[in-house]
Amino acid sequence: MLMIGIDGCRPDALLGAGAPAIEALIAEGTISVEAQTGARTSSGPSWSSLLTGTWADKHGVTDNSFDGNRFGQYPHFFRRIEEVRPELFT
């Protein structure tokens, strides 16, 4: 699996950018142009929501300091994959 995230890039801008390498990856994979990571866009909380599948009120990240995170309770999806398939390399 390859997951590409471009901080601050709107999906419509990406799709209209004429980026052949990205377009080739999209053609062979899956893309979401409607993913939501929260009402306010800030890197720490948004990436935490994306990777944990929970909102900030659960994962605890409210700014870019990551203070107060609850990743032990709401781990990122790579940890969940490792729990089910420990032989995989993530």
N, C-alpha and C. Protein backbone atom coordinates (compact mmCIF):
# COMPACT_ATOMS: atom_id res chain seq x y z
N MET A 1 0.84 -1.16 0.00
CA MET A 1 0.00 0.00 0.00
C MET A 1 0.89 1.23 0.00
N LEU A 2 0.52 2.17 -0.80
CA LEU A 2 1.18 3.48 -0.83
C LEU A 2 0.10 4.52 -0.57
N MET A 3 0.30 5.31 0.47
CA MET A 3 -0.65 6.38 0.77
C MET A 3 0.10 7.69 0.62
N ILE A 4 -0.42 8.56 -0.22
CA ILE A 4 0.20 9.86 -0.44
C ILE A 4 -0.73 10.93 0.10
N GLY A 5 -0.20 11.77 0.95
CA GLY A 5 -0.94 12.92 1.45
C GLY A 5 -0.11 14.16 1.20
N ILE A 6 -0.74 15.18 0.69
CA ILE A 6 -0.04 16.43 0.41
C ILE A 6 -0.69 17.50 1.27
N ASP A 7 0.02 17.90 2.31
CA ASP A 7 -0.51 18.86 3.26
C ASP A 7 -0.92 20.15 2.56
N GLY A 8 -2.17 20.53 2.73
CA GLY A 8 -2.66 21.79 2.20
C GLY A 8 -3.09 21.75 0.75
N CYS A 9 -3.06 20.60 0.11
CA CYS A 9 -3.42 20.51 -1.30
C CYS A 9 -4.88 20.09 -1.43
N ARG A 10 -5.66 20.91 -2.11
CA ARG A 10 -7.06 20.56 -2.37
C ARG A 10 -7.12 19.49 -3.45
N PRO A 11 -8.04 18.52 -3.31
CA PRO A 11 -8.16 17.46 -4.32
C PRO A 11 -8.43 17.99 -5.72
N ASP A 12 -9.27 19.01 -5.86
CA ASP A 12 -9.56 19.54 -7.19
C ASP A 12 -8.32 20.16 -7.83
N ALA A 13 -7.47 20.77 -7.01
CA ALA A 13 -6.22 21.34 -7.53
C ALA A 13 -5.27 20.24 -7.96
N LEU A 14 -5.20 19.18 -7.18
CA LEU A 14 -4.34 18.05 -7.54
C LEU A 14 -4.78 17.42 -8.85
N LEU A 15 -6.09 17.19 -8.98
CA LEU A 15 -6.60 16.54 -10.19
C LEU A 15 -6.44 17.42 -11.42
N GLY A 16 -6.39 18.72 -11.25
CA GLY A 16 -6.23 19.63 -12.38
C GLY A 16 -4.80 20.08 -12.62
N ALA A 17 -3.85 19.55 -11.86
CA ALA A 17 -2.47 20.03 -11.92
C ALA A 17 -1.67 19.48 -13.09
N GLY A 18 -2.15 18.42 -13.73
CA GLY A 18 -1.37 17.84 -14.81
C GLY A 18 -0.11 17.17 -14.28
N ALA A 19 -0.27 16.33 -13.25
CA ALA A 19 0.86 15.62 -12.64
C ALA A 19 0.82 14.17 -13.12
N PRO A 20 1.56 13.83 -14.18
CA PRO A 20 1.45 12.50 -14.79
C PRO A 20 1.76 11.34 -13.84
N ALA A 21 2.73 11.48 -12.96
CA ALA A 21 3.05 10.39 -12.04
C ALA A 21 1.89 10.14 -11.07
N ILE A 22 1.33 11.20 -10.53
CA ILE A 22 0.17 11.07 -9.64
C ILE A 22 -1.01 10.50 -10.41
N GLU A 23 -1.25 11.00 -11.61
CA GLU A 23 -2.36 10.50 -12.44
C GLU A 23 -2.21 9.01 -12.72
N ALA A 24 -0.99 8.53 -12.94
CA ALA A 24 -0.76 7.11 -13.20
C ALA A 24 -1.06 6.29 -11.95
N LEU A 25 -0.67 6.80 -10.79
CA LEU A 25 -0.96 6.09 -9.54
C LEU A 25 -2.46 6.03 -9.30
N ILE A 26 -3.16 7.13 -9.57
CA ILE A 26 -4.61 7.17 -9.40
C ILE A 26 -5.29 6.16 -10.33
N ALA A 27 -4.81 6.09 -11.56
CA ALA A 27 -5.41 5.18 -12.54
C ALA A 27 -5.30 3.72 -12.11
N GLU A 28 -4.26 3.40 -11.36
CA GLU A 28 -4.03 2.02 -10.94
C GLU A 28 -4.47 1.75 -9.51
N GLY A 29 -4.95 2.77 -8.82
CA GLY A 29 -5.28 2.60 -7.40
C GLY A 29 -6.63 3.16 -7.04
N THR A 30 -6.69 3.76 -5.88
CA THR A 30 -7.91 4.32 -5.34
C THR A 30 -7.62 5.73 -4.85
N ILE A 31 -8.58 6.61 -5.02
CA ILE A 31 -8.43 7.99 -4.55
C ILE A 31 -9.72 8.41 -3.86
N SER A 32 -9.58 9.24 -2.86
CA SER A 32 -10.74 9.86 -2.23
C SER A 32 -10.57 11.36 -2.35
N VAL A 33 -11.55 12.00 -2.94
CA VAL A 33 -11.52 13.47 -3.04
C VAL A 33 -12.51 14.09 -2.06
N GLU A 34 -13.11 13.26 -1.22
CA GLU A 34 -14.10 13.74 -0.26
C GLU A 34 -13.75 13.39 1.18
N ALA A 35 -12.52 12.97 1.43
CA ALA A 35 -12.12 12.60 2.79
C ALA A 35 -12.22 13.82 3.70
N GLN A 36 -12.63 13.60 4.92
CA GLN A 36 -12.78 14.66 5.91
C GLN A 36 -11.89 14.35 7.11
N THR A 37 -11.19 15.35 7.60
CA THR A 37 -10.37 15.14 8.79
C THR A 37 -10.73 16.10 9.91
N GLY A 38 -11.74 16.90 9.74
CA GLY A 38 -12.18 17.81 10.78
C GLY A 38 -12.61 19.14 10.21
N ALA A 39 -13.29 19.90 11.03
CA ALA A 39 -13.80 21.19 10.56
C ALA A 39 -12.68 22.19 10.34
N ARG A 40 -11.71 22.19 11.22
CA ARG A 40 -10.58 23.12 11.12
C ARG A 40 -9.37 22.34 10.60
N THR A 41 -8.74 22.86 9.60
CA THR A 41 -7.58 22.15 9.07
C THR A 41 -6.30 22.65 9.74
N SER A 42 -5.67 21.74 10.42
CA SER A 42 -4.38 21.96 11.06
C SER A 42 -3.66 20.63 10.96
N SER A 43 -2.39 20.68 10.63
CA SER A 43 -1.67 19.45 10.31
C SER A 43 -1.77 18.37 11.37
N GLY A 44 -1.42 18.67 12.61
CA GLY A 44 -1.41 17.65 13.66
C GLY A 44 -2.75 16.96 13.84
N PRO A 45 -3.81 17.72 14.10
CA PRO A 45 -5.12 17.08 14.27
C PRO A 45 -5.62 16.38 13.00
N SER A 46 -5.39 16.99 11.85
CA SER A 46 -5.90 16.41 10.61
C SER A 46 -5.20 15.09 10.27
N TRP A 47 -3.87 15.06 10.33
CA TRP A 47 -3.16 13.81 10.06
C TRP A 47 -3.50 12.75 11.09
N SER A 48 -3.67 13.16 12.34
CA SER A 48 -4.05 12.21 13.39
C SER A 48 -5.42 11.61 13.10
N SER A 49 -6.36 12.43 12.66
CA SER A 49 -7.69 11.91 12.31
C SER A 49 -7.61 10.95 11.13
N LEU A 50 -6.82 11.33 10.13
CA LEU A 50 -6.68 10.47 8.95
C LEU A 50 -6.10 9.11 9.33
N LEU A 51 -5.07 9.11 10.15
CA LEU A 51 -4.37 7.87 10.47
C LEU A 51 -5.05 7.02 11.53
N THR A 52 -5.85 7.65 12.41
CA THR A 52 -6.52 6.87 13.46
C THR A 52 -7.97 6.55 13.11
N GLY A 53 -8.55 7.31 12.19
CA GLY A 53 -9.95 7.10 11.85
C GLY A 53 -10.90 7.67 12.89
N THR A 54 -10.39 8.58 13.72
CA THR A 54 -11.22 9.21 14.76
C THR A 54 -11.06 10.72 14.71
N TRP A 55 -12.01 11.41 15.31
CA TRP A 55 -11.94 12.87 15.40
C TRP A 55 -11.04 13.27 16.56
N ALA A 56 -10.68 14.53 16.60
CA ALA A 56 -9.77 15.05 17.64
C ALA A 56 -10.29 14.83 19.05
N ASP A 57 -11.61 14.84 19.23
CA ASP A 57 -12.13 14.63 20.58
C ASP A 57 -11.79 13.24 21.11
N LYS A 58 -11.48 12.30 20.23
CA LYS A 58 -11.05 10.97 20.66
C LYS A 58 -9.53 10.85 20.69
N HIS A 59 -8.84 11.15 19.58
CA HIS A 59 -7.38 10.95 19.55
C HIS A 59 -6.63 11.99 20.36
N GLY A 60 -7.27 13.11 20.70
CA GLY A 60 -6.68 14.07 21.62
C GLY A 60 -5.72 15.09 21.05
N VAL A 61 -5.42 15.02 19.76
CA VAL A 61 -4.49 15.98 19.16
C VAL A 61 -5.29 17.21 18.71
N THR A 62 -4.99 18.35 19.31
CA THR A 62 -5.73 19.57 18.99
C THR A 62 -4.87 20.64 18.34
N ASP A 63 -3.55 20.40 18.28
CA ASP A 63 -2.65 21.34 17.61
C ASP A 63 -1.41 20.57 17.14
N ASN A 64 -0.44 21.29 16.64
CA ASN A 64 0.74 20.63 16.08
C ASN A 64 1.75 20.16 17.11
N SER A 65 1.47 20.38 18.40
CA SER A 65 2.40 19.90 19.43
C SER A 65 2.18 18.41 19.73
N PHE A 66 1.01 17.89 19.40
CA PHE A 66 0.61 16.51 19.68
C PHE A 66 0.49 16.23 21.17
N ASP A 67 0.58 17.28 22.01
CA ASP A 67 0.39 17.10 23.45
C ASP A 67 -1.02 16.59 23.70
N GLY A 68 -1.16 15.69 24.66
CA GLY A 68 -2.47 15.17 25.01
C GLY A 68 -2.98 14.07 24.10
N ASN A 69 -2.13 13.58 23.19
CA ASN A 69 -2.61 12.54 22.27
C ASN A 69 -2.97 11.28 23.04
N ARG A 70 -3.92 10.55 22.49
CA ARG A 70 -4.36 9.28 23.06
C ARG A 70 -4.16 8.16 22.02
N PHE A 71 -2.97 8.15 21.43
CA PHE A 71 -2.68 7.14 20.41
C PHE A 71 -2.63 5.73 20.99
N GLY A 72 -2.40 5.60 22.29
CA GLY A 72 -2.45 4.29 22.92
C GLY A 72 -3.87 3.71 22.87
N GLN A 73 -4.84 4.58 23.02
CA GLN A 73 -6.24 4.16 22.98
C GLN A 73 -6.78 4.15 21.56
N TYR A 74 -6.29 5.07 20.72
CA TYR A 74 -6.74 5.19 19.33
C TYR A 74 -5.51 5.15 18.42
N PRO A 75 -4.96 3.95 18.21
CA PRO A 75 -3.74 3.84 17.41
C PRO A 75 -3.98 4.09 15.92
N HIS A 76 -2.89 4.40 15.23
CA HIS A 76 -2.97 4.59 13.78
C HIS A 76 -3.24 3.25 13.11
N PHE A 77 -3.72 3.30 11.88
CA PHE A 77 -4.13 2.06 11.21
C PHE A 77 -2.96 1.12 10.94
N PHE A 78 -1.74 1.62 10.86
CA PHE A 78 -0.60 0.72 10.68
C PHE A 78 -0.46 -0.20 11.89
N ARG A 79 -0.68 0.32 13.09
CA ARG A 79 -0.60 -0.51 14.30
C ARG A 79 -1.67 -1.58 14.25
N ARG A 80 -2.86 -1.22 13.80
CA ARG A 80 -3.95 -2.20 13.72
C ARG A 80 -3.61 -3.30 12.70
N ILE A 81 -3.01 -2.91 11.58
CA ILE A 81 -2.59 -3.90 10.59
C ILE A 81 -1.55 -4.84 11.21
N GLU A 82 -0.59 -4.28 11.94
CA GLU A 82 0.46 -5.09 12.57
C GLU A 82 -0.12 -6.06 13.61
N GLU A 83 -1.18 -5.64 14.31
CA GLU A 83 -1.80 -6.52 15.29
C GLU A 83 -2.43 -7.75 14.62
N VAL A 84 -3.02 -7.55 13.45
CA VAL A 84 -3.68 -8.64 12.74
C VAL A 84 -2.68 -9.47 11.94
N ARG A 85 -1.71 -8.79 11.32
CA ARG A 85 -0.73 -9.48 10.47
C ARG A 85 0.68 -9.06 10.87
N PRO A 86 1.19 -9.57 12.00
CA PRO A 86 2.50 -9.13 12.49
C PRO A 86 3.66 -9.43 11.54
N GLU A 87 3.47 -10.32 10.60
CA GLU A 87 4.56 -10.64 9.67
C GLU A 87 4.73 -9.56 8.59
N LEU A 88 3.78 -8.65 8.47
CA LEU A 88 3.89 -7.59 7.46
C LEU A 88 4.88 -6.53 7.92
N PHE A 89 5.53 -5.91 6.97
CA PHE A 89 6.46 -4.82 7.23
C PHE A 89 5.73 -3.50 6.96
N THR A 90 5.67 -2.66 7.97
CA THR A 90 5.01 -1.35 7.78
C THR A 90 6.00 -0.25 8.08
